[in-house]
Amino acid sequence: MTDHLPPLPSASGSFGDKPVLTFPDTPAPGDLGVHVISRGDGEVVESGDDIEVDYYGQVWGGRMFDNSYDRGSSISFPIGVGAVIGGWDEGLVGQQVGSRVLLSIPPHLGYGERGMPQAGIGGTDTLVFVVDIRGTSRR
């Protein structure tokens, strides 16, 4: 965790387990928060790779809006090239396969002022994700 940020949520479980988040009694940080819960020993994720992850997403202090654990299938997408929200591009490039990473993503690195109403995400919501990096491949 970076020293200049306020406390980030904690997550239960280990790699591959659906987490439960516990939030601190502080407001969400205004900057991207990245905390490596457990570091893997696999390949380093590089910008432009296709990354395979399991993830759990929750609004800061609010409800879960999406996760791959309940579906029982991971997702894959290009990372570091603007295909996903900025907080994922910035927070996951440079991590190692096998890592569990917590991301606290402010609105400007998430869905912006419009939010994502169909998922119940408002334009001022900070998003918290726990991401298990399952694999990476060069494109």
C-alpha atoms as a PDB file:
ATOM      1  CA  MET A   1       0.000   0.000   0.000  1.00  0.00           C
ATOM      2  CA  THR A   2       1.300   3.452  -0.766  1.00  0.00           C
ATOM      3  CA  ASP A   3       1.991   5.607   2.274  1.00  0.00           C
ATOM      4  CA  HIS A   4       0.154   8.757   1.162  1.00  0.00           C
ATOM      5  CA  LEU A   5      -3.235   7.076   0.863  1.00  0.00           C
ATOM      6  CA  PRO A   6      -5.757   6.632   3.657  1.00  0.00           C
ATOM      7  CA  PRO A   7      -6.512   3.081   4.775  1.00  0.00           C
ATOM      8  CA  LEU A   8      -7.871   0.677   2.155  1.00  0.00           C
ATOM      9  CA  PRO A   9     -10.429  -2.070   2.751  1.00  0.00           C
ATOM     10  CA  SER A  10      -9.267  -5.526   3.776  1.00  0.00           C
ATOM     11  CA  ALA A  11     -10.339  -8.722   2.041  1.00  0.00           C
ATOM     12  CA  SER A  12     -10.932 -12.166   3.476  1.00  0.00           C
ATOM     13  CA  GLY A  13      -9.814 -15.406   1.886  1.00  0.00           C
ATOM     14  CA  SER A  14      -6.889 -16.298  -0.303  1.00  0.00           C
ATOM     15  CA  PHE A  15      -6.250 -16.563  -4.038  1.00  0.00           C
ATOM     16  CA  GLY A  16      -9.218 -18.221  -5.752  1.00  0.00           C
ATOM     17  CA  ASP A  17     -11.656 -17.650  -2.858  1.00  0.00           C
ATOM     18  CA  LYS A  18     -14.572 -15.236  -3.176  1.00  0.00           C
ATOM     19  CA  PRO A  19     -13.574 -12.417  -0.824  1.00  0.00           C
ATOM     20  CA  VAL A  20     -15.547 -10.465   1.744  1.00  0.00           C
ATOM     21  CA  LEU A  21     -14.490  -6.820   2.029  1.00  0.00           C
ATOM     22  CA  THR A  22     -14.252  -4.916   5.306  1.00  0.00           C
ATOM     23  CA  PHE A  23     -14.168  -1.129   4.910  1.00  0.00           C
ATOM     24  CA  PRO A  24     -12.328   1.331   7.176  1.00  0.00           C
ATOM     25  CA  ASP A  25     -14.262   4.165   8.830  1.00  0.00           C
ATOM     26  CA  THR A  26     -12.660   6.697   6.505  1.00  0.00           C
ATOM     27  CA  PRO A  27     -13.736   8.240   3.222  1.00  0.00           C
ATOM     28  CA  ALA A  28     -12.571   6.656   0.003  1.00  0.00           C
ATOM     29  CA  PRO A  29      -9.195   7.921  -1.213  1.00  0.00           C
ATOM     30  CA  GLY A  30      -9.241  10.323  -4.151  1.00  0.00           C
ATOM     31  CA  ASP A  31      -6.377   8.532  -5.878  1.00  0.00           C
ATOM     32  CA  LEU A  32      -5.901   5.000  -7.115  1.00  0.00           C
ATOM     33  CA  GLY A  33      -5.088   2.618  -4.265  1.00  0.00           C
ATOM     34  CA  VAL A  34      -3.256  -0.612  -5.068  1.00  0.00           C
ATOM     35  CA  HIS A  35      -2.551  -3.197  -2.387  1.00  0.00           C
ATOM     36  CA  VAL A  36      -1.004  -6.567  -3.237  1.00  0.00           C
ATOM     37  CA  ILE A  37      -2.696  -8.934  -0.780  1.00  0.00           C
ATOM     38  CA  SER A  38      -0.564 -11.886  -1.878  1.00  0.00           C
ATOM     39  CA  ARG A  39       2.150 -11.821  -4.528  1.00  0.00           C
ATOM     40  CA  GLY A  40       2.296 -14.612  -7.083  1.00  0.00           C
ATOM     41  CA  ASP A  41       5.465 -15.940  -8.654  1.00  0.00           C
ATOM     42  CA  GLY A  42       4.297 -16.079 -12.268  1.00  0.00           C
ATOM     43  CA  GLU A  43       4.997 -13.887 -15.265  1.00  0.00           C
ATOM     44  CA  VAL A  44       4.781 -10.116 -14.924  1.00  0.00           C
ATOM     45  CA  VAL A  45       1.727  -8.601 -16.625  1.00  0.00           C
ATOM     46  CA  GLU A  46       2.789  -6.187 -19.370  1.00  0.00           C
ATOM     47  CA  SER A  47       0.802  -3.500 -21.152  1.00  0.00           C
ATOM     48  CA  GLY A  48      -0.833  -5.039 -24.222  1.00  0.00           C
ATOM     49  CA  ASP A  49      -1.066  -8.557 -22.757  1.00  0.00           C
ATOM     50  CA  ASP A  50      -4.287 -10.510 -22.588  1.00  0.00           C
ATOM     51  CA  ILE A  51      -4.881 -11.055 -18.877  1.00  0.00           C
ATOM     52  CA  GLU A  52      -7.114 -13.702 -17.278  1.00  0.00           C
ATOM     53  CA  VAL A  53      -8.619 -12.848 -13.897  1.00  0.00           C
ATOM     54  CA  ASP A  54     -11.251 -13.619 -11.326  1.00  0.00           C
ATOM     55  CA  TYR A  55     -12.623 -10.487  -9.698  1.00  0.00           C
ATOM     56  CA  TYR A  56     -14.995  -9.172  -7.058  1.00  0.00           C
ATOM     57  CA  GLY A  57     -16.313  -5.604  -7.348  1.00  0.00           C
ATOM     58  CA  GLN A  58     -18.032  -3.539  -4.665  1.00  0.00           C
ATOM     59  CA  VAL A  59     -18.868   0.140  -4.252  1.00  0.00           C
ATOM     60  CA  TRP A  60     -16.841   1.706  -1.381  1.00  0.00           C
ATOM     61  CA  GLY A  61     -18.913   1.065   1.759  1.00  0.00           C
ATOM     62  CA  GLY A  62     -21.805  -0.163  -0.393  1.00  0.00           C
ATOM     63  CA  ARG A  63     -22.940  -3.257  -2.180  1.00  0.00           C
ATOM     64  CA  MET A  64     -21.278  -5.817  -4.429  1.00  0.00           C
ATOM     65  CA  PHE A  65     -22.096  -5.052  -8.065  1.00  0.00           C
ATOM     66  CA  ASP A  66     -20.332  -7.851  -9.949  1.00  0.00           C
ATOM     67  CA  ASN A  67     -18.029 -10.805  -9.454  1.00  0.00           C
ATOM     68  CA  SER A  68     -16.771 -13.764 -11.451  1.00  0.00           C
ATOM     69  CA  TYR A  69     -16.622 -16.221  -8.526  1.00  0.00           C
ATOM     70  CA  ASP A  70     -20.404 -16.750  -8.481  1.00  0.00           C
ATOM     71  CA  ARG A  71     -20.353 -17.462 -12.233  1.00  0.00           C
ATOM     72  CA  GLY A  72     -17.533 -19.966 -11.805  1.00  0.00           C
ATOM     73  CA  SER A  73     -15.603 -18.630 -14.793  1.00  0.00           C
ATOM     74  CA  SER A  74     -12.775 -16.138 -15.096  1.00  0.00           C
ATOM     75  CA  ILE A  75     -12.659 -13.388 -17.730  1.00  0.00           C
ATOM     76  CA  SER A  76      -9.929 -12.380 -20.180  1.00  0.00           C
ATOM     77  CA  PHE A  77      -9.257  -8.992 -21.751  1.00  0.00           C
ATOM     78  CA  PRO A  78      -6.404  -6.841 -23.054  1.00  0.00           C
ATOM     79  CA  ILE A  79      -4.727  -4.818 -20.281  1.00  0.00           C
ATOM     80  CA  GLY A  80      -2.958  -1.481 -20.395  1.00  0.00           C
ATOM     81  CA  VAL A  81      -4.515  -0.409 -23.708  1.00  0.00           C
ATOM     82  CA  GLY A  82      -7.765   1.292 -22.671  1.00  0.00           C
ATOM     83  CA  ALA A  83     -10.030  -1.742 -23.115  1.00  0.00           C
ATOM     84  CA  VAL A  84     -11.079  -1.628 -19.435  1.00  0.00           C
ATOM     85  CA  ILE A  85     -11.418   1.136 -16.841  1.00  0.00           C
ATOM     86  CA  GLY A  86      -8.260   3.139 -16.143  1.00  0.00           C
ATOM     87  CA  GLY A  87      -7.850   1.843 -12.597  1.00  0.00           C
ATOM     88  CA  TRP A  88      -7.470  -1.707 -13.906  1.00  0.00           C
ATOM     89  CA  ASP A  89      -4.980  -0.634 -16.592  1.00  0.00           C
ATOM     90  CA  GLU A  90      -2.888   1.295 -14.061  1.00  0.00           C
ATOM     91  CA  GLY A  91      -3.213  -1.131 -11.144  1.00  0.00           C
ATOM     92  CA  LEU A  92      -2.718  -4.501 -12.844  1.00  0.00           C
ATOM     93  CA  VAL A  93       0.122  -3.830 -15.294  1.00  0.00           C
ATOM     94  CA  GLY A  94       3.344  -4.800 -13.528  1.00  0.00           C
ATOM     95  CA  GLN A  95       1.717  -7.350 -11.205  1.00  0.00           C
ATOM     96  CA  GLN A  96       2.649 -11.036 -11.276  1.00  0.00           C
ATOM     97  CA  VAL A  97       0.456 -13.978 -12.274  1.00  0.00           C
ATOM     98  CA  GLY A  98      -0.797 -15.703  -9.124  1.00  0.00           C
ATOM     99  CA  SER A  99      -1.197 -12.399  -7.261  1.00  0.00           C
ATOM    100  CA  ARG A 100      -4.308 -11.239  -5.415  1.00  0.00           C
ATOM    101  CA  VAL A 101      -4.571  -7.462  -5.755  1.00  0.00           C
ATOM    102  CA  LEU A 102      -6.987  -5.023  -4.127  1.00  0.00           C
ATOM    103  CA  LEU A 103      -7.779  -1.915  -6.192  1.00  0.00           C
ATOM    104  CA  SER A 104      -9.544   1.176  -4.847  1.00  0.00           C
ATOM    105  CA  ILE A 105     -10.568   3.098  -7.957  1.00  0.00           C
ATOM    106  CA  PRO A 106     -11.836   6.700  -7.787  1.00  0.00           C
ATOM    107  CA  PRO A 107     -14.532   7.763 -10.273  1.00  0.00           C
ATOM    108  CA  HIS A 108     -12.115   9.446 -12.707  1.00  0.00           C
ATOM    109  CA  LEU A 109     -10.312   6.102 -13.165  1.00  0.00           C
ATOM    110  CA  GLY A 110     -13.562   4.117 -13.116  1.00  0.00           C
ATOM    111  CA  TYR A 111     -16.751   4.922 -15.011  1.00  0.00           C
ATOM    112  CA  GLY A 112     -16.494   8.709 -14.632  1.00  0.00           C
ATOM    113  CA  GLU A 113     -19.329  11.130 -13.978  1.00  0.00           C
ATOM    114  CA  ARG A 114     -21.861   9.011 -15.829  1.00  0.00           C
ATOM    115  CA  GLY A 115     -21.234   5.960 -13.625  1.00  0.00           C
ATOM    116  CA  MET A 116     -22.786   2.717 -14.786  1.00  0.00           C
ATOM    117  CA  PRO A 117     -26.465   2.925 -13.819  1.00  0.00           C
ATOM    118  CA  GLN A 118     -27.290  -0.621 -14.983  1.00  0.00           C
ATOM    119  CA  ALA A 119     -24.825  -1.920 -12.381  1.00  0.00           C
ATOM    120  CA  GLY A 120     -25.988   0.533  -9.711  1.00  0.00           C
ATOM    121  CA  ILE A 121     -22.749   2.555  -9.889  1.00  0.00           C
ATOM    122  CA  GLY A 122     -23.112   6.311  -9.469  1.00  0.00           C
ATOM    123  CA  GLY A 123     -20.854   8.987 -10.918  1.00  0.00           C
ATOM    124  CA  THR A 124     -19.232   9.718  -7.537  1.00  0.00           C
ATOM    125  CA  ASP A 125     -18.754   6.085  -6.447  1.00  0.00           C
ATOM    126  CA  THR A 126     -15.308   4.725  -5.653  1.00  0.00           C
ATOM    127  CA  LEU A 127     -15.015   1.119  -6.808  1.00  0.00           C
ATOM    128  CA  VAL A 128     -13.143  -1.561  -4.891  1.00  0.00           C
ATOM    129  CA  PHE A 129     -12.025  -4.717  -6.653  1.00  0.00           C
ATOM    130  CA  VAL A 130     -10.235  -7.817  -5.492  1.00  0.00           C
ATOM    131  CA  VAL A 131      -8.541  -9.327  -8.544  1.00  0.00           C
ATOM    132  CA  ASP A 132      -6.915 -12.774  -8.743  1.00  0.00           C
ATOM    133  CA  ILE A 133      -4.534 -12.798 -11.714  1.00  0.00           C
ATOM    134  CA  ARG A 134      -4.798 -16.272 -13.248  1.00  0.00           C
ATOM    135  CA  GLY A 135      -2.727 -15.833 -16.382  1.00  0.00           C
ATOM    136  CA  THR A 136      -1.271 -13.524 -18.983  1.00  0.00           C
ATOM    137  CA  SER A 137      -0.331 -13.962 -22.605  1.00  0.00           C
ATOM    138  CA  ARG A 138       1.425 -11.751 -25.103  1.00  0.00           C
ATOM    139  CA  ARG A 139      -0.719 -10.614 -28.000  1.00  0.00           C
END
